PDB file of N, CA and C in Angstrom:
ATOM      1  N   UNK A   1       2.589   7.248  43.468  1.00  0.00           N
ATOM      2  CA  UNK A   1       1.501   8.088  43.012  1.00  0.00           C
ATOM      3  C   UNK A   1       1.058   7.622  41.624  1.00  0.00           C
ATOM      4  N   UNK A   2      -0.233   7.442  41.462  1.00  0.00           N
ATOM      5  CA  UNK A   2      -0.794   7.005  40.182  1.00  0.00           C
ATOM      6  C   UNK A   2      -0.673   8.110  39.141  1.00  0.00           C
ATOM      7  N   UNK A   3      -0.377   7.733  37.904  1.00  0.00           N
ATOM      8  CA  UNK A   3      -0.360   8.752  36.848  1.00  0.00           C
ATOM      9  C   UNK A   3      -1.754   9.326  36.620  1.00  0.00           C
ATOM     10  N   UNK A   4      -1.783  10.547  36.160  1.00  0.00           N
ATOM     11  CA  UNK A   4      -3.023  11.199  35.749  1.00  0.00           C
ATOM     12  C   UNK A   4      -3.344  10.694  34.345  1.00  0.00           C
ATOM     13  N   UNK A   5      -4.632  10.592  34.018  1.00  0.00           N
ATOM     14  CA  UNK A   5      -5.033  10.251  32.655  1.00  0.00           C
ATOM     15  C   UNK A   5      -5.433  11.543  31.958  1.00  0.00           C
ATOM     16  N   UNK A   6      -4.721  11.876  30.902  1.00  0.00           N
ATOM     17  CA  UNK A   6      -5.028  13.051  30.080  1.00  0.00           C
ATOM     18  C   UNK A   6      -5.772  12.572  28.843  1.00  0.00           C
ATOM     19  N   UNK A   7      -6.853  13.241  28.503  1.00  0.00           N
ATOM     20  CA  UNK A   7      -7.621  12.890  27.309  1.00  0.00           C
ATOM     21  C   UNK A   7      -7.644  14.104  26.388  1.00  0.00           C
ATOM     22  N   UNK A   8      -7.321  13.870  25.120  1.00  0.00           N
ATOM     23  CA  UNK A   8      -7.343  14.949  24.140  1.00  0.00           C
ATOM     24  C   UNK A   8      -7.848  14.412  22.805  1.00  0.00           C
ATOM     25  N   UNK A   9      -8.159  15.321  21.906  1.00  0.00           N
ATOM     26  CA  UNK A   9      -8.575  14.942  20.563  1.00  0.00           C
ATOM     27  C   UNK A   9      -7.688  15.659  19.551  1.00  0.00           C
ATOM     28  N   UNK A  10      -7.614  15.079  18.371  1.00  0.00           N
ATOM     29  CA  UNK A  10      -6.825  15.686  17.313  1.00  0.00           C
ATOM     30  C   UNK A  10      -6.724  14.752  16.127  1.00  0.00           C
ATOM     31  N   UNK A  11      -5.986  15.153  15.127  1.00  0.00           N
ATOM     32  CA  UNK A  11      -5.796  14.308  13.941  1.00  0.00           C
ATOM     33  C   UNK A  11      -4.560  13.430  14.092  1.00  0.00           C
ATOM     34  N   UNK A  12      -3.748  13.697  15.133  1.00  0.00           N
ATOM     35  CA  UNK A  12      -2.528  12.929  15.391  1.00  0.00           C
ATOM     36  C   UNK A  12      -2.369  12.675  16.877  1.00  0.00           C
ATOM     37  N   UNK A  13      -1.441  11.768  17.213  1.00  0.00           N
ATOM     38  CA  UNK A  13      -1.027  11.601  18.600  1.00  0.00           C
ATOM     39  C   UNK A  13       0.494  11.622  18.643  1.00  0.00           C
ATOM     40  N   UNK A  14       1.031  12.065  19.767  1.00  0.00           N
ATOM     41  CA  UNK A  14       2.473  12.207  19.933  1.00  0.00           C
ATOM     42  C   UNK A  14       2.931  11.291  21.062  1.00  0.00           C
ATOM     43  N   UNK A  15       4.102  10.709  20.890  1.00  0.00           N
ATOM     44  CA  UNK A  15       4.669   9.806  21.884  1.00  0.00           C
ATOM     45  C   UNK A  15       6.190   9.898  21.831  1.00  0.00           C
ATOM     46  N   UNK A  16       6.846   9.297  22.824  1.00  0.00           N
ATOM     47  CA  UNK A  16       8.297   9.175  22.822  1.00  0.00           C
ATOM     48  C   UNK A  16       8.648   7.758  22.394  1.00  0.00           C
ATOM     49  N   UNK A  17       9.590   7.622  21.454  1.00  0.00           N
ATOM     50  CA  UNK A  17      10.014   6.291  21.032  1.00  0.00           C
ATOM     51  C   UNK A  17      11.041   5.732  22.026  1.00  0.00           C
ATOM     52  N   UNK A  18      11.566   4.553  21.758  1.00  0.00           N
ATOM     53  CA  UNK A  18      12.471   3.879  22.687  1.00  0.00           C
ATOM     54  C   UNK A  18      13.755   4.675  22.943  1.00  0.00           C
ATOM     55  N   UNK A  19      14.116   5.569  22.029  1.00  0.00           N
ATOM     56  CA  UNK A  19      15.304   6.399  22.210  1.00  0.00           C
ATOM     57  C   UNK A  19      14.978   7.748  22.856  1.00  0.00           C
ATOM     58  N   UNK A  20      13.707   7.974  23.202  1.00  0.00           N
ATOM     59  CA  UNK A  20      13.300   9.218  23.829  1.00  0.00           C
ATOM     60  C   UNK A  20      13.018  10.340  22.853  1.00  0.00           C
ATOM     61  N   UNK A  21      12.930  10.008  21.559  1.00  0.00           N
ATOM     62  CA  UNK A  21      12.624  11.008  20.533  1.00  0.00           C
ATOM     63  C   UNK A  21      11.119  11.165  20.382  1.00  0.00           C
ATOM     64  N   UNK A  22      10.669  12.382  20.253  1.00  0.00           N
ATOM     65  CA  UNK A  22       9.248  12.660  20.073  1.00  0.00           C
ATOM     66  C   UNK A  22       8.840  12.278  18.648  1.00  0.00           C
ATOM     67  N   UNK A  23       7.766  11.507  18.541  1.00  0.00           N
ATOM     68  CA  UNK A  23       7.235  11.049  17.263  1.00  0.00           C
ATOM     69  C   UNK A  23       5.755  11.412  17.176  1.00  0.00           C
ATOM     70  N   UNK A  24       5.249  11.551  15.963  1.00  0.00           N
ATOM     71  CA  UNK A  24       3.836  11.850  15.745  1.00  0.00           C
ATOM     72  C   UNK A  24       3.281  10.888  14.702  1.00  0.00           C
ATOM     73  N   UNK A  25       2.128  10.323  15.000  1.00  0.00           N
ATOM     74  CA  UNK A  25       1.423   9.420  14.079  1.00  0.00           C
ATOM     75  C   UNK A  25       0.043   9.994  13.803  1.00  0.00           C
ATOM     76  N   UNK A  26      -0.487   9.686  12.633  1.00  0.00           N
ATOM     77  CA  UNK A  26      -1.806  10.182  12.237  1.00  0.00           C
ATOM     78  C   UNK A  26      -2.879   9.129  12.442  1.00  0.00           C
ATOM     79  N   UNK A  27      -4.067   9.593  12.816  1.00  0.00           N
ATOM     80  CA  UNK A  27      -5.220   8.706  12.845  1.00  0.00           C
ATOM     81  C   UNK A  27      -5.742   8.544  11.423  1.00  0.00           C
ATOM     82  N   UNK A  28      -6.563   7.505  11.214  1.00  0.00           N
ATOM     83  CA  UNK A  28      -7.056   7.224   9.873  1.00  0.00           C
ATOM     84  C   UNK A  28      -8.511   6.776   9.948  1.00  0.00           C
ATOM     85  N   UNK A  29      -9.308   7.283   9.042  1.00  0.00           N
ATOM     86  CA  UNK A  29     -10.677   6.814   8.899  1.00  0.00           C
ATOM     87  C   UNK A  29     -11.039   6.820   7.422  1.00  0.00           C
ATOM     88  N   UNK A  30     -11.416   5.652   6.922  1.00  0.00           N
ATOM     89  CA  UNK A  30     -11.945   5.516   5.564  1.00  0.00           C
ATOM     90  C   UNK A  30     -13.211   4.685   5.682  1.00  0.00           C
ATOM     91  N   UNK A  31     -14.369   5.258   5.360  1.00  0.00           N
ATOM     92  CA  UNK A  31     -15.615   4.500   5.486  1.00  0.00           C
ATOM     93  C   UNK A  31     -15.649   3.320   4.509  1.00  0.00           C
ATOM     94  N   UNK A  32     -16.446   2.333   4.850  1.00  0.00           N
ATOM     95  CA  UNK A  32     -16.618   1.180   3.970  1.00  0.00           C
ATOM     96  C   UNK A  32     -17.229   1.630   2.648  1.00  0.00           C
ATOM     97  N   UNK A  33     -16.721   1.080   1.562  1.00  0.00           N
ATOM     98  CA  UNK A  33     -17.261   1.379   0.236  1.00  0.00           C
ATOM     99  C   UNK A  33     -17.294   0.095  -0.577  1.00  0.00           C
ATOM    100  N   UNK A  34     -18.417  -0.186  -1.195  1.00  0.00           N
ATOM    101  CA  UNK A  34     -18.537  -1.390  -2.017  1.00  0.00           C
ATOM    102  C   UNK A  34     -18.148  -2.632  -1.245  1.00  0.00           C
ATOM    103  N   UNK A  35     -17.144  -3.337  -1.756  1.00  0.00           N
ATOM    104  CA  UNK A  35     -16.671  -4.563  -1.114  1.00  0.00           C
ATOM    105  C   UNK A  35     -15.575  -4.323  -0.084  1.00  0.00           C
ATOM    106  N   UNK A  36     -15.145  -3.084   0.050  1.00  0.00           N
ATOM    107  CA  UNK A  36     -14.049  -2.784   0.971  1.00  0.00           C
ATOM    108  C   UNK A  36     -14.582  -2.398   2.355  1.00  0.00           C
ATOM    109  N   UNK A  37     -14.049  -3.046   3.409  1.00  0.00           N
ATOM    110  CA  UNK A  37     -14.479  -2.671   4.766  1.00  0.00           C
ATOM    111  C   UNK A  37     -13.878  -1.322   5.162  1.00  0.00           C
ATOM    112  N   UNK A  38     -14.405  -0.760   6.202  1.00  0.00           N
ATOM    113  CA  UNK A  38     -13.872   0.504   6.719  1.00  0.00           C
ATOM    114  C   UNK A  38     -12.450   0.285   7.232  1.00  0.00           C
ATOM    115  N   UNK A  39     -11.611   1.287   7.073  1.00  0.00           N
ATOM    116  CA  UNK A  39     -10.271   1.299   7.659  1.00  0.00           C
ATOM    117  C   UNK A  39     -10.297   2.330   8.771  1.00  0.00           C
ATOM    118  N   UNK A  40     -10.019   1.874   9.979  1.00  0.00           N
ATOM    119  CA  UNK A  40     -10.118   2.807  11.090  1.00  0.00           C
ATOM    120  C   UNK A  40      -8.940   2.673  12.046  1.00  0.00           C
ATOM    121  N   UNK A  41      -8.428   3.788  12.475  1.00  0.00           N
ATOM    122  CA  UNK A  41      -7.442   3.920  13.538  1.00  0.00           C
ATOM    123  C   UNK A  41      -7.821   5.236  14.203  1.00  0.00           C
ATOM    124  N   UNK A  42      -8.607   5.142  15.280  1.00  0.00           N
ATOM    125  CA  UNK A  42      -9.283   6.313  15.819  1.00  0.00           C
ATOM    126  C   UNK A  42      -8.795   6.779  17.183  1.00  0.00           C
ATOM    127  N   UNK A  43      -7.985   5.991  17.846  1.00  0.00           N
ATOM    128  CA  UNK A  43      -7.518   6.390  19.167  1.00  0.00           C
ATOM    129  C   UNK A  43      -6.273   5.635  19.568  1.00  0.00           C
ATOM    130  N   UNK A  44      -5.529   6.209  20.519  1.00  0.00           N
ATOM    131  CA  UNK A  44      -4.319   5.544  21.002  1.00  0.00           C
ATOM    132  C   UNK A  44      -4.048   5.976  22.434  1.00  0.00           C
ATOM    133  N   UNK A  45      -3.512   5.042  23.230  1.00  0.00           N
ATOM    134  CA  UNK A  45      -3.183   5.296  24.629  1.00  0.00           C
ATOM    135  C   UNK A  45      -1.715   4.984  24.859  1.00  0.00           C
ATOM    136  N   UNK A  46      -0.992   5.930  25.449  1.00  0.00           N
ATOM    137  CA  UNK A  46       0.408   5.703  25.817  1.00  0.00           C
ATOM    138  C   UNK A  46       0.585   6.049  27.291  1.00  0.00           C
ATOM    139  N   UNK A  47       1.550   5.392  27.913  1.00  0.00           N
ATOM    140  CA  UNK A  47       1.801   5.636  29.323  1.00  0.00           C
ATOM    141  C   UNK A  47       3.248   6.012  29.581  1.00  0.00           C
ATOM    142  N   UNK A  48       3.549   6.376  30.824  1.00  0.00           N
ATOM    143  CA  UNK A  48       4.881   6.871  31.173  1.00  0.00           C
ATOM    144  C   UNK A  48       5.924   5.782  31.436  1.00  0.00           C
ATOM    145  N   UNK A  49       5.560   4.523  31.266  1.00  0.00           N
ATOM    146  CA  UNK A  49       6.513   3.439  31.503  1.00  0.00           C
ATOM    147  C   UNK A  49       6.395   2.813  32.875  1.00  0.00           C
ATOM    148  N   UNK A  50       5.375   3.170  33.634  1.00  0.00           N
ATOM    149  CA  UNK A  50       5.215   2.650  34.991  1.00  0.00           C
ATOM    150  C   UNK A  50       4.504   1.297  35.042  1.00  0.00           C
ATOM    151  N   UNK A  51       3.928   0.850  33.930  1.00  0.00           N
ATOM    152  CA  UNK A  51       3.275  -0.454  33.858  1.00  0.00           C
ATOM    153  C   UNK A  51       4.347  -1.485  33.517  1.00  0.00           C
ATOM    154  N   UNK A  52       4.440  -2.598  34.286  1.00  0.00           N
ATOM    155  CA  UNK A  52       5.489  -3.584  34.009  1.00  0.00           C
ATOM    156  C   UNK A  52       5.358  -4.245  32.630  1.00  0.00           C
ATOM    157  N   UNK A  53       4.205  -4.116  31.992  1.00  0.00           N
ATOM    158  CA  UNK A  53       3.993  -4.697  30.664  1.00  0.00           C
ATOM    159  C   UNK A  53       4.272  -3.700  29.545  1.00  0.00           C
ATOM    160  N   UNK A  54       4.673  -2.502  29.906  1.00  0.00           N
ATOM    161  CA  UNK A  54       4.984  -1.475  28.912  1.00  0.00           C
ATOM    162  C   UNK A  54       6.365  -1.755  28.341  1.00  0.00           C
ATOM    163  N   UNK A  55       6.441  -1.953  27.036  1.00  0.00           N
ATOM    164  CA  UNK A  55       7.711  -2.296  26.393  1.00  0.00           C
ATOM    165  C   UNK A  55       8.607  -1.084  26.191  1.00  0.00           C
ATOM    166  N   UNK A  56       8.090   0.120  26.394  1.00  0.00           N
ATOM    167  CA  UNK A  56       8.893   1.318  26.248  1.00  0.00           C
ATOM    168  C   UNK A  56       9.076   1.784  24.820  1.00  0.00           C
ATOM    169  N   UNK A  57       8.321   1.191  23.888  1.00  0.00           N
ATOM    170  CA  UNK A  57       8.454   1.611  22.493  1.00  0.00           C
ATOM    171  C   UNK A  57       7.546   2.781  22.153  1.00  0.00           C
ATOM    172  N   UNK A  58       6.467   2.953  22.906  1.00  0.00           N
ATOM    173  CA  UNK A  58       5.551   4.086  22.756  1.00  0.00           C
ATOM    174  C   UNK A  58       5.289   4.610  24.163  1.00  0.00           C
ATOM    175  N   UNK A  59       5.939   5.701  24.538  1.00  0.00           N
ATOM    176  CA  UNK A  59       5.781   6.258  25.882  1.00  0.00           C
ATOM    177  C   UNK A  59       5.137   7.632  25.815  1.00  0.00           C
ATOM    178  N   UNK A  60       4.456   8.013  26.902  1.00  0.00           N
ATOM    179  CA  UNK A  60       3.844   9.339  26.955  1.00  0.00           C
ATOM    180  C   UNK A  60       4.939  10.401  26.998  1.00  0.00           C
ATOM    181  N   UNK A  61       4.564  11.602  26.632  1.00  0.00           N
ATOM    182  CA  UNK A  61       5.522  12.706  26.595  1.00  0.00           C
ATOM    183  C   UNK A  61       5.695  13.372  27.955  1.00  0.00           C
ATOM    184  N   UNK A  62       4.979  12.858  28.965  1.00  0.00           N
ATOM    185  CA  UNK A  62       5.112  13.365  30.331  1.00  0.00           C
ATOM    186  C   UNK A  62       4.835  12.214  31.294  1.00  0.00           C
ATOM    187  N   UNK A  63       4.559  12.472  32.536  1.00  0.00           N
ATOM    188  CA  UNK A  63       4.340  11.420  33.530  1.00  0.00           C
ATOM    189  C   UNK A  63       2.903  10.918  33.562  1.00  0.00           C
ATOM    190  N   UNK A  64       2.090  11.302  32.600  1.00  0.00           N
ATOM    191  CA  UNK A  64       0.674  10.917  32.565  1.00  0.00           C
ATOM    192  C   UNK A  64       0.421   9.789  31.573  1.00  0.00           C
ATOM    193  N   UNK A  65      -0.700   9.109  31.765  1.00  0.00           N
ATOM    194  CA  UNK A  65      -1.234   8.228  30.724  1.00  0.00           C
ATOM    195  C   UNK A  65      -1.968   9.160  29.772  1.00  0.00           C
ATOM    196  N   UNK A  66      -1.599   9.137  28.505  1.00  0.00           N
ATOM    197  CA  UNK A  66      -2.182  10.049  27.529  1.00  0.00           C
ATOM    198  C   UNK A  66      -3.068   9.270  26.551  1.00  0.00           C
ATOM    199  N   UNK A  67      -4.334   9.635  26.525  1.00  0.00           N
ATOM    200  CA  UNK A  67      -5.314   9.050  25.614  1.00  0.00           C
ATOM    201  C   UNK A  67      -5.654  10.121  24.582  1.00  0.00           C
ATOM    202  N   UNK A  68      -5.470   9.782  23.317  1.00  0.00           N
ATOM    203  CA  UNK A  68      -5.819  10.713  22.248  1.00  0.00           C
ATOM    204  C   UNK A  68      -6.836  10.047  21.341  1.00  0.00           C
ATOM    205  N   UNK A  69      -7.896  10.773  21.026  1.00  0.00           N
ATOM    206  CA  UNK A  69      -8.969  10.302  20.158  1.00  0.00           C
ATOM    207  C   UNK A  69      -9.030  11.186  18.923  1.00  0.00           C
ATOM    208  N   UNK A  70      -9.371  10.592  17.786  1.00  0.00           N
ATOM    209  CA  UNK A  70      -9.459  11.375  16.569  1.00  0.00           C
ATOM    210  C   UNK A  70     -10.510  12.471  16.684  1.00  0.00           C
ATOM    211  N   UNK A  71     -10.274  13.541  15.971  1.00  0.00           N
ATOM    212  CA  UNK A  71     -11.256  14.624  15.907  1.00  0.00           C
ATOM    213  C   UNK A  71     -11.926  14.670  14.531  1.00  0.00           C
ATOM    214  N   UNK A  72     -11.757  13.620  13.741  1.00  0.00           N
ATOM    215  CA  UNK A  72     -12.314  13.566  12.382  1.00  0.00           C
ATOM    216  C   UNK A  72     -13.843  13.595  12.444  1.00  0.00           C
ATOM    217  N   UNK A  73     -14.481  14.629  11.909  1.00  0.00           N
ATOM    218  CA  UNK A  73     -15.945  14.744  11.994  1.00  0.00           C
ATOM    219  C   UNK A  73     -16.692  13.722  11.133  1.00  0.00           C
ATOM    220  N   UNK A  74     -15.997  13.012  10.246  1.00  0.00           N
ATOM    221  CA  UNK A  74     -16.651  12.009   9.401  1.00  0.00           C
ATOM    222  C   UNK A  74     -16.932  10.710  10.144  1.00  0.00           C
ATOM    223  N   UNK A  75     -16.294  10.518  11.290  1.00  0.00           N
ATOM    224  CA  UNK A  75     -16.426   9.258  12.030  1.00  0.00           C
ATOM    225  C   UNK A  75     -17.821   9.184  12.650  1.00  0.00           C
ATOM    226  N   UNK A  76     -18.564   8.096  12.382  1.00  0.00           N
ATOM    227  CA  UNK A  76     -19.899   7.946  12.981  1.00  0.00           C
ATOM    228  C   UNK A  76     -19.827   7.934  14.511  1.00  0.00           C
ATOM    229  N   UNK A  77     -20.855   8.470  15.136  1.00  0.00           N
ATOM    230  CA  UNK A  77     -20.847   8.586  16.601  1.00  0.00           C
ATOM    231  C   UNK A  77     -20.683   7.243  17.297  1.00  0.00           C
ATOM    232  N   UNK A  78     -21.262   6.172  16.761  1.00  0.00           N
ATOM    233  CA  UNK A  78     -21.124   4.868  17.407  1.00  0.00           C
ATOM    234  C   UNK A  78     -19.662   4.413  17.386  1.00  0.00           C
ATOM    235  N   UNK A  79     -18.926   4.738  16.343  1.00  0.00           N
ATOM    236  CA  UNK A  79     -17.501   4.388  16.300  1.00  0.00           C
ATOM    237  C   UNK A  79     -16.716   5.194  17.331  1.00  0.00           C
ATOM    238  N   UNK A  80     -17.087   6.446  17.519  1.00  0.00           N
ATOM    239  CA  UNK A  80     -16.415   7.263  18.536  1.00  0.00           C
ATOM    240  C   UNK A  80     -16.745   6.761  19.938  1.00  0.00           C
ATOM    241  N   UNK A  81     -17.982   6.288  20.133  1.00  0.00           N
ATOM    242  CA  UNK A  81     -18.351   5.719  21.426  1.00  0.00           C
ATOM    243  C   UNK A  81     -17.514   4.476  21.712  1.00  0.00           C
ATOM    244  N   UNK A  82     -17.393   3.608  20.723  1.00  0.00           N
ATOM    245  CA  UNK A  82     -16.592   2.386  20.894  1.00  0.00           C
ATOM    246  C   UNK A  82     -15.135   2.728  21.165  1.00  0.00           C
ATOM    247  N   UNK A  83     -14.595   3.652  20.395  1.00  0.00           N
ATOM    248  CA  UNK A  83     -13.192   4.017  20.545  1.00  0.00           C
ATOM    249  C   UNK A  83     -12.925   4.652  21.904  1.00  0.00           C
ATOM    250  N   UNK A  84     -13.803   5.535  22.339  1.00  0.00           N
ATOM    251  CA  UNK A  84     -13.636   6.172  23.644  1.00  0.00           C
ATOM    252  C   UNK A  84     -13.665   5.129  24.752  1.00  0.00           C
ATOM    253  N   UNK A  85     -14.622   4.209  24.697  1.00  0.00           N
ATOM    254  CA  UNK A  85     -14.706   3.147  25.703  1.00  0.00           C
ATOM    255  C   UNK A  85     -13.462   2.272  25.665  1.00  0.00           C
ATOM    256  N   UNK A  86     -13.022   1.913  24.465  1.00  0.00           N
ATOM    257  CA  UNK A  86     -11.832   1.062  24.327  1.00  0.00           C
ATOM    258  C   UNK A  86     -10.599   1.720  24.935  1.00  0.00           C
ATOM    259  N   UNK A  87     -10.372   2.979  24.599  1.00  0.00           N
ATOM    260  CA  UNK A  87      -9.164   3.649  25.070  1.00  0.00           C
ATOM    261  C   UNK A  87      -9.200   3.919  26.577  1.00  0.00           C
ATOM    262  N   UNK A  88     -10.338   4.399  27.094  1.00  0.00           N
ATOM    263  CA  UNK A  88     -10.411   4.752  28.516  1.00  0.00           C
ATOM    264  C   UNK A  88     -10.644   3.553  29.424  1.00  0.00           C
ATOM    265  N   UNK A  89     -11.665   2.742  29.110  1.00  0.00           N
ATOM    266  CA  UNK A  89     -12.040   1.636  29.993  1.00  0.00           C
ATOM    267  C   UNK A  89     -11.353   0.334  29.625  1.00  0.00           C
ATOM    268  N   UNK A  90     -10.611   0.349  28.536  1.00  0.00           N
ATOM    269  CA  UNK A  90      -9.796  -0.791  28.141  1.00  0.00           C
ATOM    270  C   UNK A  90      -8.337  -0.474  28.426  1.00  0.00           C
ATOM    271  N   UNK A  91      -7.685   0.166  27.481  1.00  0.00           N
ATOM    272  CA  UNK A  91      -6.238   0.375  27.556  1.00  0.00           C
ATOM    273  C   UNK A  91      -5.794   1.193  28.765  1.00  0.00           C
ATOM    274  N   UNK A  92      -6.379   2.355  29.008  1.00  0.00           N
ATOM    275  CA  UNK A  92      -5.923   3.215  30.114  1.00  0.00           C
ATOM    276  C   UNK A  92      -6.170   2.564  31.473  1.00  0.00           C
ATOM    277  N   UNK A  93      -7.343   1.979  31.660  1.00  0.00           N
ATOM    278  CA  UNK A  93      -7.655   1.347  32.944  1.00  0.00           C
ATOM    279  C   UNK A  93      -6.730   0.159  33.214  1.00  0.00           C
ATOM    280  N   UNK A  94      -6.489  -0.666  32.182  1.00  0.00           N
ATOM    281  CA  UNK A  94      -5.567  -1.788  32.343  1.00  0.00           C
ATOM    282  C   UNK A  94      -4.153  -1.285  32.642  1.00  0.00           C
ATOM    283  N   UNK A  95      -3.744  -0.217  31.969  1.00  0.00           N
ATOM    284  CA  UNK A  95      -2.425   0.362  32.222  1.00  0.00           C
ATOM    285  C   UNK A  95      -2.290   0.751  33.689  1.00  0.00           C
ATOM    286  N   UNK A  96      -3.271   1.483  34.196  1.00  0.00           N
ATOM    287  CA  UNK A  96      -3.227   1.936  35.592  1.00  0.00           C
ATOM    288  C   UNK A  96      -3.232   0.777  36.579  1.00  0.00           C
ATOM    289  N   UNK A  97      -3.872  -0.332  36.192  1.00  0.00           N
ATOM    290  CA  UNK A  97      -3.946  -1.503  37.067  1.00  0.00           C
ATOM    291  C   UNK A  97      -2.672  -2.351  36.999  1.00  0.00           C
ATOM    292  N   UNK A  98      -1.725  -1.963  36.127  1.00  0.00           N
ATOM    293  CA  UNK A  98      -0.478  -2.715  36.004  1.00  0.00           C
ATOM    294  C   UNK A  98      -0.625  -4.017  35.250  1.00  0.00           C
ATOM    295  N   UNK A  99      -1.674  -4.119  34.446  1.00  0.00           N
ATOM    296  CA  UNK A  99      -1.945  -5.348  33.683  1.00  0.00           C
ATOM    297  C   UNK A  99      -1.569  -5.148  32.216  1.00  0.00           C
ATOM    298  N   UNK A 100      -1.464  -6.261  31.458  1.00  0.00           N
ATOM    299  CA  UNK A 100      -1.251  -6.112  30.018  1.00  0.00           C
ATOM    300  C   UNK A 100      -2.347  -5.224  29.436  1.00  0.00           C
ATOM    301  N   UNK A 101      -1.969  -4.302  28.538  1.00  0.00           N
ATOM    302  CA  UNK A 101      -2.934  -3.306  28.079  1.00  0.00           C
ATOM    303  C   UNK A 101      -2.956  -3.089  26.575  1.00  0.00           C
ATOM    304  N   UNK A 102      -2.084  -3.741  25.831  1.00  0.00           N
ATOM    305  CA  UNK A 102      -1.999  -3.524  24.386  1.00  0.00           C
ATOM    306  C   UNK A 102      -2.584  -4.698  23.612  1.00  0.00           C
ATOM    307  N   UNK A 103      -2.992  -4.428  22.381  1.00  0.00           N
ATOM    308  CA  UNK A 103      -3.352  -5.513  21.461  1.00  0.00           C
ATOM    309  C   UNK A 103      -2.051  -6.203  21.072  1.00  0.00           C
ATOM    310  N   UNK A 104      -1.932  -7.475  21.030  1.00  0.00           N
ATOM    311  CA  UNK A 104      -2.872  -8.528  21.403  1.00  0.00           C
ATOM    312  C   UNK A 104      -2.536  -9.176  22.744  1.00  0.00           C
ATOM    313  N   UNK A 105      -2.154  -8.387  23.759  1.00  0.00           N
ATOM    314  CA  UNK A 105      -1.818  -8.943  25.069  1.00  0.00           C
ATOM    315  C   UNK A 105      -2.958  -9.812  25.601  1.00  0.00           C
ATOM    316  N   UNK A 106      -2.624 -10.839  26.407  1.00  0.00           N
ATOM    317  CA  UNK A 106      -3.660 -11.727  26.953  1.00  0.00           C
ATOM    318  C   UNK A 106      -4.725 -10.952  27.732  1.00  0.00           C
ATOM    319  N   UNK A 107      -5.975 -11.246  27.432  1.00  0.00           N
ATOM    320  CA  UNK A 107      -7.103 -10.628  28.121  1.00  0.00           C
ATOM    321  C   UNK A 107      -7.569  -9.318  27.528  1.00  0.00           C
ATOM    322  N   UNK A 108      -6.719  -8.650  26.775  1.00  0.00           N
ATOM    323  CA  UNK A 108      -7.085  -7.342  26.222  1.00  0.00           C
ATOM    324  C   UNK A 108      -8.162  -7.485  25.158  1.00  0.00           C
ATOM    325  N   UNK A 109      -7.977  -8.396  24.235  1.00  0.00           N
ATOM    326  CA  UNK A 109      -8.947  -8.553  23.147  1.00  0.00           C
ATOM    327  C   UNK A 109     -10.343  -8.887  23.687  1.00  0.00           C
ATOM    328  N   UNK A 110     -10.405  -9.743  24.708  1.00  0.00           N
ATOM    329  CA  UNK A 110     -11.690 -10.115  25.292  1.00  0.00           C
ATOM    330  C   UNK A 110     -12.382  -8.911  25.921  1.00  0.00           C
ATOM    331  N   UNK A 111     -11.615  -8.108  26.644  1.00  0.00           N
ATOM    332  CA  UNK A 111     -12.189  -6.915  27.266  1.00  0.00           C
ATOM    333  C   UNK A 111     -12.672  -5.930  26.207  1.00  0.00           C
ATOM    334  N   UNK A 112     -11.886  -5.718  25.175  1.00  0.00           N
ATOM    335  CA  UNK A 112     -12.259  -4.771  24.108  1.00  0.00           C
ATOM    336  C   UNK A 112     -13.514  -5.257  23.410  1.00  0.00           C
ATOM    337  N   UNK A 113     -13.609  -6.540  23.123  1.00  0.00           N
ATOM    338  CA  UNK A 113     -14.823  -7.078  22.483  1.00  0.00           C
ATOM    339  C   UNK A 113     -16.039  -6.851  23.365  1.00  0.00           C
ATOM    340  N   UNK A 114     -15.879  -7.029  24.669  1.00  0.00           N
ATOM    341  CA  UNK A 114     -16.999  -6.799  25.601  1.00  0.00           C
ATOM    342  C   UNK A 114     -17.402  -5.331  25.603  1.00  0.00           C
ATOM    343  N   UNK A 115     -16.424  -4.440  25.598  1.00  0.00           N
ATOM    344  CA  UNK A 115     -16.736  -3.012  25.565  1.00  0.00           C
ATOM    345  C   UNK A 115     -17.429  -2.635  24.267  1.00  0.00           C
ATOM    346  N   UNK A 116     -16.931  -3.152  23.144  1.00  0.00           N
ATOM    347  CA  UNK A 116     -17.566  -2.855  21.855  1.00  0.00           C
ATOM    348  C   UNK A 116     -18.973  -3.420  21.788  1.00  0.00           C
ATOM    349  N   UNK A 117     -19.221  -4.521  22.436  1.00  0.00           N
ATOM    350  CA  UNK A 117     -20.534  -5.149  22.425  1.00  0.00           C
ATOM    351  C   UNK A 117     -21.608  -4.352  23.131  1.00  0.00           C
ATOM    352  N   UNK A 118     -21.203  -3.364  23.917  1.00  0.00           N
ATOM    353  CA  UNK A 118     -22.181  -2.527  24.620  1.00  0.00           C
ATOM    354  C   UNK A 118     -22.788  -1.481  23.714  1.00  0.00           C
ATOM    355  N   UNK A 119     -22.244  -1.333  22.510  1.00  0.00           N
ATOM    356  CA  UNK A 119     -22.734  -0.324  21.566  1.00  0.00           C
ATOM    357  C   UNK A 119     -23.264  -1.020  20.322  1.00  0.00           C
ATOM    358  N   UNK A 120     -24.361  -0.536  19.769  1.00  0.00           N
ATOM    359  CA  UNK A 120     -24.983  -1.212  18.619  1.00  0.00           C
ATOM    360  C   UNK A 120     -24.072  -1.245  17.411  1.00  0.00           C
TER     361      UNK A 120
END
């Protein structure tokens, strides 16, 4: 049976580490200022360990593929569009297909660039 894909928003995402302990990480958004580029970490996808390419270091907290997107209202809509496409049609879809799904796994970067290219 294929895992369900759960999508949620928030300022953090939760996962199980390799020892099965629940961990929480924060998303980050800092807009570009002067000579400094934007710093962004807006979404993350974890799975239940059913993908053969899953190293088991970041696992979902249940039997689902869990996609979490930032809820930071400062993030421009085009960045949220890119992030949503990347997480759902990049990482989650590759996970469900049993293919490499993380940065910098082979083929992932190319797919993500193609998805980002669909948005201005």
